[in-house]
Amino acid sequence: MNFIADNISLDVSKESIDNFFKDINALKLIMPAGVEQWQTEGDKCSFFIKNLGNLKMKRSFDIPVSEYAYRSTADSKVDFTLLFHFNENGQNKSTGYFELQAQVNPFMKMMLERPVTNFVNLLTQNLHNHFKNKCFSF
């Protein structure tokens, strides 16, 4: 099942997006308030989300012109892939959104659709706010 966030505008260059996603610790900056116990080791991270438990992921692949991916590790409670898709629309202008792909049965999809879609929307909005605040803070 794919849980897809709303597409948002980012007033930053492709290079700024690349720099953000190079360091897995940067994701901590945009995680929703309900994410706890963030830990990193190299290109892997783990965190806790109420009702889902401990989740673990690692950088999986980058397609610097369109996508970044993080894949759950073998010891994660849930098998998933977190993707950030983006398009560069001109000088310092991009659009993008997060998507979470997970193998869940139809019953679990009904239970997870709202909270997981909310999660990827919060990640996307927090990324927008991160770049907005970073560009205009003094």
C-alpha atoms as a PDB file:
ATOM      1  CA  MET A   1       0.000   0.000   0.000  1.00  0.00           C
ATOM      2  CA  ASN A   2       1.170   3.496  -0.762  1.00  0.00           C
ATOM      3  CA  PHE A   3       0.472   6.384   1.584  1.00  0.00           C
ATOM      4  CA  ILE A   4       1.124   9.617  -0.290  1.00  0.00           C
ATOM      5  CA  ALA A   5       1.413  13.154   1.062  1.00  0.00           C
ATOM      6  CA  ASP A   6       0.180  16.291  -0.633  1.00  0.00           C
ATOM      7  CA  ASN A   7       2.660  17.852  -3.057  1.00  0.00           C
ATOM      8  CA  ILE A   8       4.175  21.118  -1.784  1.00  0.00           C
ATOM      9  CA  SER A   9       6.323  23.912  -3.178  1.00  0.00           C
ATOM     10  CA  LEU A  10       9.864  24.352  -1.929  1.00  0.00           C
ATOM     11  CA  ASP A  11      11.661  27.623  -2.601  1.00  0.00           C
ATOM     12  CA  VAL A  12      15.081  25.981  -2.605  1.00  0.00           C
ATOM     13  CA  SER A  13      17.518  24.597  -5.120  1.00  0.00           C
ATOM     14  CA  LYS A  14      18.048  20.956  -5.950  1.00  0.00           C
ATOM     15  CA  GLU A  15      21.436  21.263  -4.231  1.00  0.00           C
ATOM     16  CA  SER A  16      19.760  22.317  -0.968  1.00  0.00           C
ATOM     17  CA  ILE A  17      17.482  19.294  -1.157  1.00  0.00           C
ATOM     18  CA  ASP A  18      20.480  17.046  -1.920  1.00  0.00           C
ATOM     19  CA  ASN A  19      22.391  18.449   1.051  1.00  0.00           C
ATOM     20  CA  PHE A  20      19.446  17.889   3.374  1.00  0.00           C
ATOM     21  CA  PHE A  21      18.984  14.231   2.417  1.00  0.00           C
ATOM     22  CA  LYS A  22      22.709  13.366   2.487  1.00  0.00           C
ATOM     23  CA  ASP A  23      22.648  13.179   6.288  1.00  0.00           C
ATOM     24  CA  ILE A  24      20.069  10.831   7.809  1.00  0.00           C
ATOM     25  CA  ASN A  25      20.177  12.965  10.978  1.00  0.00           C
ATOM     26  CA  ALA A  26      18.450  15.734   9.027  1.00  0.00           C
ATOM     27  CA  LEU A  27      15.255  13.677   9.065  1.00  0.00           C
ATOM     28  CA  LYS A  28      15.095  14.171  12.833  1.00  0.00           C
ATOM     29  CA  LEU A  29      14.572  17.891  12.168  1.00  0.00           C
ATOM     30  CA  ILE A  30      11.312  17.236  10.338  1.00  0.00           C
ATOM     31  CA  MET A  31       9.857  14.340  12.319  1.00  0.00           C
ATOM     32  CA  PRO A  32       6.435  14.989  13.898  1.00  0.00           C
ATOM     33  CA  ALA A  33       6.238  15.582  17.651  1.00  0.00           C
ATOM     34  CA  GLY A  34       5.022  12.007  18.309  1.00  0.00           C
ATOM     35  CA  VAL A  35       8.307  10.507  17.133  1.00  0.00           C
ATOM     36  CA  GLU A  36      10.517   9.647  20.108  1.00  0.00           C
ATOM     37  CA  GLN A  37      13.819   7.972  20.931  1.00  0.00           C
ATOM     38  CA  TRP A  38      15.597   9.043  17.716  1.00  0.00           C
ATOM     39  CA  GLN A  39      18.982   7.365  17.295  1.00  0.00           C
ATOM     40  CA  THR A  40      21.398   7.200  14.385  1.00  0.00           C
ATOM     41  CA  GLU A  41      24.384   5.098  13.496  1.00  0.00           C
ATOM     42  CA  GLY A  42      26.042   5.774  10.152  1.00  0.00           C
ATOM     43  CA  ASP A  43      23.371   5.687   7.452  1.00  0.00           C
ATOM     44  CA  LYS A  44      20.793   4.018   9.752  1.00  0.00           C
ATOM     45  CA  CYS A  45      18.304   5.439  12.222  1.00  0.00           C
ATOM     46  CA  SER A  46      15.722   4.136  14.642  1.00  0.00           C
ATOM     47  CA  PHE A  47      12.800   5.827  16.346  1.00  0.00           C
ATOM     48  CA  PHE A  48       9.640   5.034  18.267  1.00  0.00           C
ATOM     49  CA  ILE A  49       6.068   5.857  17.211  1.00  0.00           C
ATOM     50  CA  LYS A  50       3.192   5.113  19.575  1.00  0.00           C
ATOM     51  CA  ASN A  51       1.039   2.190  18.361  1.00  0.00           C
ATOM     52  CA  LEU A  52       3.700   1.167  15.807  1.00  0.00           C
ATOM     53  CA  GLY A  53       6.659   0.550  18.088  1.00  0.00           C
ATOM     54  CA  ASN A  54      10.314   0.845  17.147  1.00  0.00           C
ATOM     55  CA  LEU A  55      10.992   1.495  13.491  1.00  0.00           C
ATOM     56  CA  LYS A  56      14.415   1.239  11.902  1.00  0.00           C
ATOM     57  CA  MET A  57      15.532   2.348   8.467  1.00  0.00           C
ATOM     58  CA  LYS A  58      18.620   3.047   6.414  1.00  0.00           C
ATOM     59  CA  ARG A  59      19.400   5.103   3.359  1.00  0.00           C
ATOM     60  CA  SER A  60      18.529   2.894   0.468  1.00  0.00           C
ATOM     61  CA  PHE A  61      19.159   4.832  -2.725  1.00  0.00           C
ATOM     62  CA  ASP A  62      19.263   8.322  -4.116  1.00  0.00           C
ATOM     63  CA  ILE A  63      18.243   9.501  -7.541  1.00  0.00           C
ATOM     64  CA  PRO A  64      19.482  13.086  -7.077  1.00  0.00           C
ATOM     65  CA  VAL A  65      17.257  14.463  -9.801  1.00  0.00           C
ATOM     66  CA  SER A  66      14.003  13.042  -8.459  1.00  0.00           C
ATOM     67  CA  GLU A  67      13.982  10.788  -5.393  1.00  0.00           C
ATOM     68  CA  TYR A  68      15.515   9.736  -2.063  1.00  0.00           C
ATOM     69  CA  ALA A  69      14.671   6.443  -0.375  1.00  0.00           C
ATOM     70  CA  TYR A  70      14.973   4.958   3.087  1.00  0.00           C
ATOM     71  CA  ARG A  71      14.236   1.258   3.562  1.00  0.00           C
ATOM     72  CA  SER A  72      13.321  -0.499   6.788  1.00  0.00           C
ATOM     73  CA  THR A  73      16.023  -2.728   8.207  1.00  0.00           C
ATOM     74  CA  ALA A  74      15.522  -6.442   8.856  1.00  0.00           C
ATOM     75  CA  ASP A  75      14.974  -5.818  12.586  1.00  0.00           C
ATOM     76  CA  SER A  76      12.306  -3.132  12.113  1.00  0.00           C
ATOM     77  CA  LYS A  77       8.795  -3.870  13.417  1.00  0.00           C
ATOM     78  CA  VAL A  78       7.316  -2.897  10.025  1.00  0.00           C
ATOM     79  CA  ASP A  79       8.553  -3.556   6.477  1.00  0.00           C
ATOM     80  CA  PHE A  80       8.402  -0.197   4.654  1.00  0.00           C
ATOM     81  CA  THR A  81      10.093   2.223   2.293  1.00  0.00           C
ATOM     82  CA  LEU A  82       9.989   5.972   2.910  1.00  0.00           C
ATOM     83  CA  LEU A  83      10.473   7.996  -0.263  1.00  0.00           C
ATOM     84  CA  PHE A  84      10.814  11.681  -0.952  1.00  0.00           C
ATOM     85  CA  HIS A  85       9.919  12.568  -4.557  1.00  0.00           C
ATOM     86  CA  PHE A  86      10.743  15.959  -6.001  1.00  0.00           C
ATOM     87  CA  ASN A  87      10.890  17.922  -9.227  1.00  0.00           C
ATOM     88  CA  GLU A  88      13.051  20.936  -9.859  1.00  0.00           C
ATOM     89  CA  ASN A  89      10.924  23.614 -11.529  1.00  0.00           C
ATOM     90  CA  GLY A  90      13.545  26.272 -12.127  1.00  0.00           C
ATOM     91  CA  GLN A  91      16.124  28.252 -10.253  1.00  0.00           C
ATOM     92  CA  ASN A  92      15.575  27.696  -6.519  1.00  0.00           C
ATOM     93  CA  LYS A  93      12.080  26.265  -7.064  1.00  0.00           C
ATOM     94  CA  SER A  94      11.021  22.664  -6.512  1.00  0.00           C
ATOM     95  CA  THR A  95       7.960  20.645  -5.615  1.00  0.00           C
ATOM     96  CA  GLY A  96       7.954  17.475  -3.576  1.00  0.00           C
ATOM     97  CA  TYR A  97       6.216  15.048  -1.254  1.00  0.00           C
ATOM     98  CA  PHE A  98       6.857  12.028   0.951  1.00  0.00           C
ATOM     99  CA  GLU A  99       5.427   8.597   0.282  1.00  0.00           C
ATOM    100  CA  LEU A 100       5.448   5.579   2.548  1.00  0.00           C
ATOM    101  CA  GLN A 101       5.158   2.170   0.908  1.00  0.00           C
ATOM    102  CA  ALA A 102       4.306  -0.785   3.154  1.00  0.00           C
ATOM    103  CA  GLN A 103       3.035  -4.309   2.743  1.00  0.00           C
ATOM    104  CA  VAL A 104      -0.188  -4.425   4.739  1.00  0.00           C
ATOM    105  CA  ASN A 105      -3.381  -6.417   4.430  1.00  0.00           C
ATOM    106  CA  PRO A 106      -6.673  -4.625   3.597  1.00  0.00           C
ATOM    107  CA  PHE A 107      -7.807  -4.587   7.237  1.00  0.00           C
ATOM    108  CA  MET A 108      -4.545  -2.964   8.361  1.00  0.00           C
ATOM    109  CA  LYS A 109      -4.780  -0.485   5.489  1.00  0.00           C
ATOM    110  CA  MET A 110      -8.127   0.729   6.809  1.00  0.00           C
ATOM    111  CA  MET A 111      -6.636   1.186  10.276  1.00  0.00           C
ATOM    112  CA  LEU A 112      -3.416   2.816   9.083  1.00  0.00           C
ATOM    113  CA  GLU A 113      -4.562   4.986   6.193  1.00  0.00           C
ATOM    114  CA  ARG A 114      -5.427   8.106   8.184  1.00  0.00           C
ATOM    115  CA  PRO A 115      -2.487   8.108  10.667  1.00  0.00           C
ATOM    116  CA  VAL A 116       0.155   7.146   8.093  1.00  0.00           C
ATOM    117  CA  THR A 117      -1.116   9.633   5.514  1.00  0.00           C
ATOM    118  CA  ASN A 118      -1.106  12.249   8.269  1.00  0.00           C
ATOM    119  CA  PHE A 119       2.487  11.238   9.128  1.00  0.00           C
ATOM    120  CA  VAL A 120       3.772  11.689   5.546  1.00  0.00           C
ATOM    121  CA  ASN A 121       1.838  14.977   5.222  1.00  0.00           C
ATOM    122  CA  LEU A 122       3.476  16.223   8.443  1.00  0.00           C
ATOM    123  CA  LEU A 123       6.922  15.199   7.172  1.00  0.00           C
ATOM    124  CA  THR A 124       6.297  17.056   3.924  1.00  0.00           C
ATOM    125  CA  GLN A 125       4.974  20.175   5.652  1.00  0.00           C
ATOM    126  CA  ASN A 126       7.807  20.111   8.190  1.00  0.00           C
ATOM    127  CA  LEU A 127      10.327  19.916   5.347  1.00  0.00           C
ATOM    128  CA  HIS A 128       8.675  22.946   3.742  1.00  0.00           C
ATOM    129  CA  ASN A 129       8.830  24.822   7.069  1.00  0.00           C
ATOM    130  CA  HIS A 130      12.439  23.768   7.628  1.00  0.00           C
ATOM    131  CA  PHE A 131      13.545  25.272   4.323  1.00  0.00           C
ATOM    132  CA  LYS A 132      11.359  28.344   4.755  1.00  0.00           C
ATOM    133  CA  ASN A 133      12.726  29.073   8.256  1.00  0.00           C
ATOM    134  CA  LYS A 134      16.286  28.261   7.256  1.00  0.00           C
ATOM    135  CA  CYS A 135      16.195  30.628   4.299  1.00  0.00           C
ATOM    136  CA  PHE A 136      14.652  33.530   6.200  1.00  0.00           C
ATOM    137  CA  SER A 137      16.079  33.210   9.690  1.00  0.00           C
ATOM    138  CA  PHE A 138      18.776  35.622  10.861  1.00  0.00           C
END
